[in-house]
Amino acid sequence: MKYELVIGLETHVELSTDSKLFCSCGGHSAADTPNDCVCPACSGMPGMLPVTNKHAIELAVKAGLMLNCKINQYTTFDKKSYYYPDLPAAYQITQWFNPVCVEGKVQVGEREIGIKQIHVEEDAGKLVHDDATNTSLVDYNRTSVPLIEIVSKPDFRSSDEVISYLKKLKASLQFAGISECEEGAMRCDVNISVRPEGSDQLGVRSEIKNMSSFAEIKDAIEFEKVRHVDAIERRTEMLVQETRRWDEVKRRTFPMRNKETAADYRYFPDPNLMPIIIDDKWLAEIKASMPVSAEEKGQKYVDMGIASKEAAVLASDAKLCAVFDEVVAMGREPKSVASWILTECMSRMRYLGIETLNIAPAKLSRIIELVDAGEITRAAGKKVLAAVFESDVDVDKYCDEQGLNAKVDTSVIEATVDRVIAENPQAVADYKGGKVKAAGALFGSCMRELKGIGDPAVIKALLEQKLN
């Protein structure tokens, strides 16, 4: 029997605000040491009254507008009761009865993914486990940091669709300044079940908690699909509705606890927080502040002469766009900048295992300027770029120290070519015997000897002249 994968996502996104959701403490990134960004309000002390962060509401509305949601102009906060050490008040302030955004949709490939709701809530603290001493410590710096939870409908049918959606969501949120979506600021709970192909009944659901890596999310989904199908077909286990965790070392999920229901959380309106009224004037102001979308950004790049595929890759990452825009503004040619970012920069990022382009635009601009002007070769430019990535060197100073000037004395190039010809008599004989590829080997030797200096066209022409 063929089975269909059914997936729904709950994506938690940390909002880019200067203070927490219900107090004036700085956001999570403001903390330097554990528990140094905590006050009586966000640590759950009795008698402290919360005050809602207006900017957090505005960012939530922006997210809803981007995802084509209906904005609830009357929205309220509720208490979600559960006890866990990282939640000092023994309840979380969230939105259950009147979330700020509902009934949205987003296009992923050829399919439309429904958005059930977007609600605002406070984050919990962080548990730090020490296996050596068999203890757990609690850091409350993250407590009450504002989040939005974007709840999709169970409309995903593959791990590839999930990753495409998350990448699109990340780019959109970054462009709008809603969240940086980095270093745990975007976490995902993945709800998975399988059912016979053609059925409209949902299967037994598993939830994988707190995942932030796209690659790990994909692997976890693929593992769960196999586990569910094996349980149904081969009776390897009894499927139950539960919460599971992904083990990155063992590459499999493990059960954590039975999945709670809404009744377990005992939702009720928070009497300490007044309803929020988003009137027509405020909503119009938020709409007027919306930035261009990733799609609009991509089309702008296409209009600049960049291929649509390359433009789409650039527009998928707000940081790539920021660097690209700044370097182009410094006078560099758009196609050249796109080529350097999408080939050389991203190659270095993959090599170093980093996901965010953090190069100074002025340094990238200078490298491109030197290469385009023929001052250094492309190979030398790649060498300088690597040094900038790894040591943040000064571009001009590094070129001087390494002797990377392409406009070297022709006598230096000629002496190198003569030496390579003299040291490789067999390759010369092969070339004269009709094996044209032998010239390529000699050219490669020349380039290695010159270590990236000199114009490759000049070197090639001089080599061919001497061979002939």
Protein backbone atom coordinates (compact mmCIF):
# COMPACT_ATOMS: atom_id res chain seq x y z
CA MET A 1 0.00 0.00 0.00
CA LYS A 2 1.17 3.51 -0.77
CA TYR A 3 1.16 6.05 2.03
CA GLU A 4 0.87 9.82 2.02
CA LEU A 5 2.89 12.02 4.36
CA VAL A 6 0.89 14.72 6.18
CA ILE A 7 2.84 17.52 7.88
CA GLY A 8 1.89 20.66 9.76
CA LEU A 9 4.35 23.20 11.19
CA GLU A 10 4.39 25.42 14.24
CA THR A 11 7.17 27.93 13.60
CA HIS A 12 8.33 30.05 16.54
CA VAL A 13 10.06 33.28 15.53
CA GLU A 14 11.82 35.64 17.93
CA LEU A 15 10.79 39.21 17.15
CA SER A 16 13.36 41.97 16.59
CA THR A 17 12.40 44.24 19.49
CA ASP A 18 14.55 46.22 21.92
CA SER A 19 12.65 44.98 24.97
CA LYS A 20 10.71 41.96 26.14
CA LEU A 21 7.01 41.39 25.53
CA PHE A 22 5.63 42.59 28.87
CA CYS A 23 8.48 44.49 30.57
CA SER A 24 11.32 46.88 29.75
CA CYS A 25 14.14 44.32 30.05
CA GLY A 26 16.30 44.10 26.94
CA GLY A 27 15.72 41.30 24.44
CA HIS A 28 17.58 38.00 24.66
CA SER A 29 20.53 39.29 22.60
CA ALA A 30 21.06 42.07 25.19
CA ALA A 31 22.24 39.58 27.82
CA ASP A 32 25.95 39.01 28.48
CA THR A 33 25.78 36.44 31.29
CA PRO A 34 23.05 34.08 32.55
CA ASN A 35 20.16 35.80 34.35
CA ASP A 36 21.49 39.34 33.92
CA CYS A 37 18.51 40.50 31.85
CA VAL A 38 15.69 39.66 34.25
CA CYS A 39 13.31 41.75 36.38
CA PRO A 40 10.50 40.95 38.85
CA ALA A 41 7.93 41.09 36.04
CA CYS A 42 9.53 38.58 33.66
CA SER A 43 10.73 36.32 36.48
CA GLY A 44 7.16 35.73 37.63
CA MET A 45 7.21 37.59 40.95
CA PRO A 46 3.75 38.02 42.56
CA GLY A 47 2.02 41.37 42.18
CA MET A 48 3.89 42.48 39.05
CA LEU A 49 1.62 43.57 36.19
CA PRO A 50 2.58 43.09 32.52
CA VAL A 51 2.51 45.95 29.98
CA THR A 52 2.31 44.92 26.29
CA ASN A 53 5.11 45.86 23.89
CA LYS A 54 3.35 47.77 21.07
CA HIS A 55 6.14 47.14 18.56
CA ALA A 56 5.76 43.37 19.00
CA ILE A 57 2.11 43.65 17.97
CA GLU A 58 3.07 45.69 14.90
CA LEU A 59 5.65 43.09 13.83
CA ALA A 60 3.08 40.31 14.24
CA VAL A 61 0.62 42.21 12.03
CA LYS A 62 3.38 42.67 9.41
CA ALA A 63 3.97 38.92 9.40
CA GLY A 64 0.26 38.35 8.93
CA LEU A 65 0.07 40.77 6.01
CA MET A 66 3.03 39.04 4.32
CA LEU A 67 1.28 35.67 4.66
CA ASN A 68 -2.04 37.00 3.37
CA CYS A 69 -3.78 36.64 6.73
CA LYS A 70 -6.92 38.29 8.02
CA ILE A 71 -5.95 40.70 10.81
CA ASN A 72 -8.06 40.44 13.94
CA GLN A 73 -8.55 44.05 14.99
CA TYR A 74 -9.71 42.84 18.41
CA THR A 75 -7.05 40.57 19.89
CA THR A 76 -6.49 39.30 23.44
CA PHE A 77 -3.95 37.46 25.58
CA ASP A 78 -4.55 34.24 27.49
CA LYS A 79 -2.80 32.14 30.11
CA LYS A 80 -1.53 28.70 29.09
CA SER A 81 -0.98 26.75 32.30
CA TYR A 82 1.79 24.20 32.64
CA TYR A 83 4.63 23.76 35.08
CA TYR A 84 8.20 23.46 33.90
CA PRO A 85 11.35 24.91 35.54
CA ASP A 86 12.09 27.29 32.65
CA LEU A 87 8.66 28.96 33.06
CA PRO A 88 8.88 30.90 36.35
CA ALA A 89 5.20 31.89 36.62
CA ALA A 90 4.01 28.31 35.90
CA TYR A 91 2.02 29.66 32.95
CA GLN A 92 2.82 31.19 29.58
CA ILE A 93 1.09 34.31 28.25
CA THR A 94 -0.06 33.52 24.72
CA GLN A 95 -3.08 33.95 22.44
CA TRP A 96 -5.68 31.21 22.16
CA PHE A 97 -9.15 32.68 21.84
CA ASN A 98 -8.40 35.76 19.70
CA PRO A 99 -5.03 35.44 17.89
CA VAL A 100 -3.84 38.52 16.03
CA CYS A 101 -3.78 36.89 12.55
CA VAL A 102 -5.87 34.07 11.06
CA GLU A 103 -6.61 32.28 7.78
CA GLY A 104 -3.57 33.05 5.65
CA LYS A 105 -1.87 31.29 2.76
CA VAL A 106 1.52 31.08 1.09
CA GLN A 107 2.50 29.69 -2.30
CA VAL A 108 5.16 26.97 -2.23
CA GLY A 109 6.00 25.81 -5.72
CA GLU A 110 2.73 24.90 -7.38
CA ARG A 111 0.89 24.25 -4.12
CA GLU A 112 -0.82 26.58 -1.68
CA ILE A 113 -0.09 26.09 2.02
CA GLY A 114 -2.74 27.32 4.45
CA ILE A 115 -1.84 29.35 7.54
CA LYS A 116 -4.24 28.62 10.39
CA GLN A 117 -3.11 31.51 12.59
CA ILE A 118 -0.26 33.68 13.85
CA HIS A 119 -0.29 34.48 17.54
CA VAL A 120 1.98 36.45 19.86
CA GLU A 121 3.41 34.82 22.96
CA GLU A 122 6.30 35.04 25.40
CA ASP A 123 9.27 32.71 25.23
CA ALA A 124 10.33 30.44 28.09
CA GLY A 125 13.74 30.36 29.75
CA LYS A 126 16.57 28.00 28.90
CA LEU A 127 17.62 24.88 30.79
CA VAL A 128 21.34 24.11 30.82
CA HIS A 129 22.03 20.47 31.67
CA ASP A 130 25.36 19.45 33.23
CA ASP A 131 25.84 15.69 32.91
CA ALA A 132 29.08 15.80 34.90
CA THR A 133 27.33 16.99 38.06
CA ASN A 134 23.89 15.59 37.18
CA THR A 135 22.33 19.03 37.62
CA SER A 136 20.28 21.44 35.54
CA LEU A 137 20.62 25.21 35.68
CA VAL A 138 18.05 27.74 34.48
CA ASP A 139 18.82 30.91 32.53
CA TYR A 140 15.81 33.26 32.56
CA ASN A 141 17.26 35.83 30.12
CA ARG A 142 15.06 34.47 27.34
CA THR A 143 11.92 34.46 29.51
CA SER A 144 9.24 36.78 28.07
CA VAL A 145 11.22 37.56 24.90
CA PRO A 146 8.46 38.21 22.29
CA LEU A 147 7.68 35.49 19.80
CA ILE A 148 5.18 34.89 17.08
CA GLU A 149 4.04 31.34 16.42
CA ILE A 150 3.05 30.73 12.80
CA VAL A 151 0.76 27.70 12.70
CA SER A 152 0.28 26.10 9.30
CA LYS A 153 -2.50 23.78 8.29
CA PRO A 154 -1.49 20.12 7.69
CA ASP A 155 -0.95 20.85 4.00
CA PHE A 156 2.64 19.70 3.46
CA ARG A 157 3.19 16.40 1.67
CA SER A 158 6.98 16.12 1.59
CA SER A 159 10.10 17.23 3.40
CA ASP A 160 11.13 19.24 0.33
CA GLU A 161 7.94 21.30 0.56
CA VAL A 162 8.63 21.97 4.23
CA ILE A 163 12.17 23.22 3.56
CA SER A 164 11.03 25.40 0.64
CA TYR A 165 8.36 26.95 2.87
CA LEU A 166 10.78 27.59 5.74
CA LYS A 167 13.38 29.18 3.45
CA LYS A 168 10.73 31.43 1.92
CA LEU A 169 9.40 32.32 5.37
CA LYS A 170 12.88 33.11 6.67
CA ALA A 171 13.67 35.41 3.74
CA SER A 172 10.34 37.24 4.09
CA LEU A 173 10.73 37.77 7.84
CA GLN A 174 14.30 39.04 7.42
CA PHE A 175 13.34 41.44 4.62
CA ALA A 176 10.54 42.92 6.71
CA GLY A 177 12.80 43.36 9.75
CA ILE A 178 10.48 41.14 11.77
CA SER A 179 13.20 38.76 12.91
CA GLU A 180 16.86 38.01 12.25
CA CYS A 181 15.95 34.30 12.13
CA GLU A 182 19.48 33.37 13.19
CA GLU A 183 21.04 31.49 16.14
CA GLY A 184 17.86 29.86 17.39
CA ALA A 185 15.62 32.87 16.66
CA MET A 186 13.57 30.64 14.33
CA ARG A 187 12.56 27.25 15.74
CA CYS A 188 10.11 24.75 14.40
CA ASP A 189 7.82 22.05 15.84
CA VAL A 190 7.07 19.49 13.13
CA ASN A 191 3.80 17.54 13.33
CA ILE A 192 3.87 14.35 11.25
CA SER A 193 1.47 11.54 10.41
CA VAL A 194 0.95 9.16 7.49
CA ARG A 195 -2.21 7.80 5.92
CA PRO A 196 -3.13 5.58 2.97
CA GLU A 197 -2.89 7.47 -0.30
CA GLY A 198 -6.32 8.87 -1.20
CA SER A 199 -7.64 8.83 2.37
CA ASP A 200 -8.98 12.02 3.97
CA GLN A 201 -8.51 10.74 7.54
CA LEU A 202 -5.49 11.90 9.55
CA GLY A 203 -3.18 9.30 11.07
CA VAL A 204 -1.62 9.17 14.54
CA ARG A 205 0.41 12.34 15.00
CA SER A 206 3.97 12.76 16.31
CA GLU A 207 5.43 16.16 17.12
CA ILE A 208 9.18 16.79 16.88
CA LYS A 209 10.08 19.73 19.08
CA ASN A 210 12.39 22.74 18.77
CA MET A 211 14.26 22.18 15.51
CA SER A 212 16.22 25.03 13.92
CA SER A 213 18.39 23.44 11.21
CA PHE A 214 16.79 22.92 7.81
CA ALA A 215 18.98 19.88 7.13
CA GLU A 216 18.05 18.28 10.47
CA ILE A 217 14.34 18.98 9.90
CA LYS A 218 14.49 17.22 6.55
CA ASP A 219 16.27 14.18 7.99
CA ALA A 220 13.87 13.99 10.95
CA ILE A 221 10.84 14.02 8.64
CA GLU A 222 12.30 11.26 6.47
CA PHE A 223 13.05 9.15 9.56
CA GLU A 224 9.56 9.62 10.97
CA LYS A 225 7.95 8.68 7.67
CA VAL A 226 9.79 5.35 7.66
CA ARG A 227 9.02 4.78 11.36
CA HIS A 228 5.29 5.38 10.89
CA VAL A 229 5.02 3.20 7.79
CA ASP A 230 6.98 0.38 9.47
CA ALA A 231 4.68 0.57 12.50
CA ILE A 232 1.60 0.25 10.28
CA GLU A 233 2.90 -2.33 7.80
CA ARG A 234 5.21 -4.43 9.96
CA ARG A 235 3.77 -3.74 13.43
CA THR A 236 7.20 -2.75 14.73
CA GLU A 237 5.56 -0.59 17.42
CA MET A 238 2.24 0.89 18.52
CA LEU A 239 1.92 4.46 17.31
CA VAL A 240 0.68 6.93 19.93
CA GLN A 241 0.18 10.68 19.86
CA GLU A 242 3.35 11.98 21.45
CA THR A 243 6.11 14.57 21.50
CA ARG A 244 9.51 13.39 20.30
CA ARG A 245 13.03 14.82 20.07
CA TRP A 246 15.57 14.48 17.27
CA ASP A 247 18.99 13.08 18.19
CA GLU A 248 21.55 14.63 15.82
CA VAL A 249 24.19 12.01 16.68
CA LYS A 250 22.06 8.87 16.39
CA ARG A 251 20.05 10.35 13.50
CA ARG A 252 16.69 9.26 14.89
CA THR A 253 13.84 10.52 17.06
CA PHE A 254 13.12 9.46 20.65
CA PRO A 255 9.89 9.86 22.67
CA MET A 256 9.76 12.67 25.25
CA ARG A 257 6.19 12.64 26.57
CA ASN A 258 2.60 12.10 25.54
CA LYS A 259 1.27 14.98 23.47
CA GLU A 260 -0.86 17.39 25.48
CA THR A 261 -4.28 18.61 24.32
CA ALA A 262 -5.82 22.08 24.69
CA ALA A 263 -7.72 20.89 27.77
CA ASP A 264 -4.44 20.01 29.50
CA TYR A 265 -3.27 23.63 29.25
CA ARG A 266 -6.45 25.12 30.84
CA TYR A 267 -6.46 28.24 28.65
CA PHE A 268 -8.29 31.24 30.09
CA PRO A 269 -8.18 35.01 29.39
CA ASP A 270 -5.40 36.86 31.19
CA PRO A 271 -7.16 39.33 33.52
CA ASN A 272 -4.01 41.46 33.82
CA LEU A 273 -3.90 42.40 30.12
CA MET A 274 -6.51 44.54 28.38
CA PRO A 275 -7.70 43.58 24.86
CA ILE A 276 -5.74 45.24 22.05
CA ILE A 277 -7.74 47.19 19.49
CA ILE A 278 -6.00 47.58 16.13
CA ASP A 279 -8.06 50.40 14.65
CA ASP A 280 -8.17 51.27 10.95
CA LYS A 281 -5.67 54.13 11.34
CA TRP A 282 -3.07 51.96 13.11
CA LEU A 283 -3.54 49.14 10.60
CA ALA A 284 -3.08 51.59 7.71
CA GLU A 285 0.17 52.85 9.27
CA ILE A 286 1.51 49.30 9.55
CA LYS A 287 0.56 48.56 5.94
CA ALA A 288 2.31 51.74 4.80
CA SER A 289 5.53 50.64 6.54
CA MET A 290 5.70 47.27 4.76
CA PRO A 291 8.99 46.81 2.82
CA VAL A 292 9.36 45.22 -0.60
CA SER A 293 8.88 41.47 -0.63
CA ALA A 294 11.51 38.89 -1.58
CA GLU A 295 9.66 38.34 -4.88
CA GLU A 296 9.75 42.06 -5.70
CA LYS A 297 13.44 42.16 -4.80
CA GLY A 298 14.15 39.25 -7.13
CA GLN A 299 12.31 40.95 -10.01
CA LYS A 300 14.34 44.11 -9.43
CA TYR A 301 17.53 42.08 -9.86
CA VAL A 302 16.20 40.50 -13.06
CA ASP A 303 15.55 44.02 -14.38
CA MET A 304 19.23 44.80 -13.63
CA GLY A 305 20.24 42.05 -16.07
CA ILE A 306 20.80 39.18 -13.63
CA ALA A 307 19.51 35.75 -14.66
CA SER A 308 16.23 34.82 -12.96
CA LYS A 309 17.71 31.77 -11.23
CA GLU A 310 20.58 33.80 -9.75
CA ALA A 311 18.19 36.61 -8.78
CA ALA A 312 15.98 34.12 -6.93
CA VAL A 313 18.95 32.81 -4.92
CA LEU A 314 20.00 36.35 -3.99
CA ALA A 315 16.45 37.31 -3.02
CA SER A 316 16.11 34.24 -0.80
CA ASP A 317 18.53 35.68 1.75
CA ALA A 318 18.24 39.19 3.18
CA LYS A 319 21.95 39.31 4.07
CA LEU A 320 23.01 38.41 0.52
CA CYS A 321 20.72 41.17 -0.75
CA ALA A 322 22.14 43.71 1.68
CA VAL A 323 25.73 42.99 0.63
CA PHE A 324 24.79 42.92 -3.07
CA ASP A 325 22.94 46.24 -2.89
CA GLU A 326 25.78 48.00 -1.05
CA VAL A 327 28.49 46.74 -3.41
CA VAL A 328 26.47 47.74 -6.50
CA ALA A 329 25.89 51.17 -4.90
CA MET A 330 29.70 51.52 -4.72
CA GLY A 331 29.87 51.41 -8.50
CA ARG A 332 30.46 47.74 -9.25
CA GLU A 333 28.68 46.07 -12.18
CA PRO A 334 25.61 44.05 -10.96
CA LYS A 335 26.39 40.87 -12.93
CA SER A 336 29.95 40.83 -11.65
CA VAL A 337 28.80 41.34 -8.05
CA ALA A 338 26.20 38.58 -8.36
CA SER A 339 28.84 36.23 -9.75
CA TRP A 340 31.24 36.89 -6.89
CA ILE A 341 28.59 36.49 -4.20
CA LEU A 342 26.95 33.37 -5.63
CA THR A 343 30.14 31.56 -6.61
CA GLU A 344 33.19 32.70 -4.67
CA CYS A 345 31.53 33.98 -1.47
CA MET A 346 29.10 31.09 -1.12
CA SER A 347 31.90 28.63 -1.87
CA ARG A 348 33.90 30.07 1.03
CA MET A 349 30.81 29.97 3.26
CA ARG A 350 30.32 26.27 2.52
CA TYR A 351 34.02 25.58 3.11
CA LEU A 352 33.96 27.36 6.48
CA GLY A 353 30.58 25.92 7.47
CA ILE A 354 28.86 29.27 7.94
CA GLU A 355 25.35 30.19 6.81
CA THR A 356 25.46 34.00 6.91
CA LEU A 357 27.50 36.26 4.62
CA ASN A 358 29.30 38.65 6.96
CA ILE A 359 31.91 40.15 4.65
CA ALA A 360 32.30 43.94 4.68
CA PRO A 361 30.75 45.22 1.42
CA ALA A 362 33.60 47.73 0.96
CA LYS A 363 36.20 44.92 0.95
CA LEU A 364 34.24 42.80 -1.53
CA SER A 365 33.79 45.87 -3.71
CA ARG A 366 37.54 46.55 -3.68
CA ILE A 367 38.38 42.96 -4.66
CA ILE A 368 35.94 43.09 -7.58
CA GLU A 369 37.29 46.50 -8.61
CA LEU A 370 40.89 45.23 -8.69
CA VAL A 371 39.96 42.12 -10.71
CA ASP A 372 37.75 44.00 -13.20
CA ALA A 373 40.51 46.59 -13.71
CA GLY A 374 43.10 43.89 -14.36
CA GLU A 375 45.15 44.91 -11.32
CA ILE A 376 44.95 41.35 -9.97
CA THR A 377 43.80 38.11 -11.58
CA ARG A 378 40.57 36.33 -10.71
CA ALA A 379 42.62 33.60 -9.04
CA ALA A 380 44.40 36.22 -6.95
CA GLY A 381 41.04 37.79 -6.13
CA LYS A 382 39.81 34.45 -4.79
CA LYS A 383 42.93 34.22 -2.64
CA VAL A 384 42.32 37.71 -1.23
CA LEU A 385 38.65 36.85 -0.61
CA ALA A 386 39.65 33.76 1.37
CA ALA A 387 41.98 35.89 3.50
CA VAL A 388 39.22 38.43 4.12
CA PHE A 389 36.83 35.67 5.22
CA GLU A 390 39.36 34.06 7.54
CA SER A 391 41.36 37.03 8.88
CA ASP A 392 39.51 40.17 7.72
CA VAL A 393 42.69 41.49 6.09
CA ASP A 394 43.09 44.86 4.40
CA VAL A 395 42.67 44.13 0.69
CA ASP A 396 45.32 46.47 -0.79
CA LYS A 397 47.87 45.76 1.92
CA TYR A 398 47.42 41.99 1.49
CA CYS A 399 47.86 42.26 -2.30
CA ASP A 400 51.13 44.16 -1.82
CA GLU A 401 52.45 41.75 0.82
CA GLN A 402 51.63 38.69 -1.29
CA GLY A 403 52.88 40.20 -4.58
CA LEU A 404 49.55 39.66 -6.33
CA ASN A 405 49.83 42.52 -8.83
CA ALA A 406 48.81 41.15 -12.23
CA LYS A 407 50.75 43.82 -14.09
CA VAL A 408 54.17 42.32 -13.39
CA ASP A 409 57.27 42.82 -15.50
CA THR A 410 56.95 40.78 -18.71
CA SER A 411 60.52 39.54 -18.20
CA VAL A 412 59.39 37.74 -15.01
CA ILE A 413 56.66 35.92 -16.95
CA GLU A 414 59.01 35.12 -19.83
CA ALA A 415 61.65 33.69 -17.48
CA THR A 416 59.01 31.49 -15.83
CA VAL A 417 57.74 30.22 -19.20
CA ASP A 418 61.29 29.44 -20.34
CA ARG A 419 61.97 27.51 -17.13
CA VAL A 420 58.76 25.45 -17.40
CA ILE A 421 59.55 24.56 -21.03
CA ALA A 422 63.09 23.55 -20.12
CA GLU A 423 61.95 21.40 -17.17
CA ASN A 424 59.24 19.53 -19.14
CA PRO A 425 60.87 18.21 -22.35
CA GLN A 426 58.41 15.31 -22.67
CA ALA A 427 55.37 17.63 -22.60
CA VAL A 428 57.04 19.85 -25.22
CA ALA A 429 57.75 16.83 -27.41
CA ASP A 430 54.14 15.66 -27.02
CA TYR A 431 52.87 19.08 -28.08
CA LYS A 432 55.10 19.15 -31.13
CA GLY A 433 53.94 15.64 -31.92
CA GLY A 434 50.34 16.87 -32.19
CA LYS A 435 49.07 16.39 -28.63
CA VAL A 436 47.52 19.83 -28.11
CA LYS A 437 46.48 19.03 -24.53
CA ALA A 438 50.15 19.02 -23.52
CA ALA A 439 50.11 22.82 -23.83
CA GLY A 440 47.42 22.92 -21.14
CA ALA A 441 49.67 21.02 -18.74
CA LEU A 442 52.53 23.43 -19.44
CA PHE A 443 50.20 26.42 -18.94
CA GLY A 444 49.08 25.00 -15.59
CA SER A 445 52.70 24.66 -14.51
CA CYS A 446 53.33 28.29 -15.46
CA MET A 447 50.33 29.46 -13.44
CA ARG A 448 51.46 27.48 -10.41
CA GLU A 449 54.97 28.92 -10.68
CA LEU A 450 53.64 32.47 -10.92
CA LYS A 451 51.23 31.85 -7.98
CA GLY A 452 48.33 33.80 -9.42
CA ILE A 453 50.23 36.88 -10.61
CA GLY A 454 50.26 37.94 -14.24
CA ASP A 455 47.46 38.04 -16.78
CA PRO A 456 46.55 34.45 -17.81
CA ALA A 457 45.92 35.60 -21.40
CA VAL A 458 49.42 37.10 -21.61
CA ILE A 459 51.00 33.97 -20.12
CA LYS A 460 49.10 31.69 -22.50
CA ALA A 461 50.03 33.77 -25.56
CA LEU A 462 53.72 33.87 -24.60
CA LEU A 463 53.78 30.11 -23.97
CA GLU A 464 52.22 29.34 -27.35
CA GLN A 465 54.62 31.72 -29.06
CA LYS A 466 57.66 29.99 -27.55
CA LEU A 467 56.31 26.48 -28.24
CA ASN A 468 55.73 27.33 -31.87
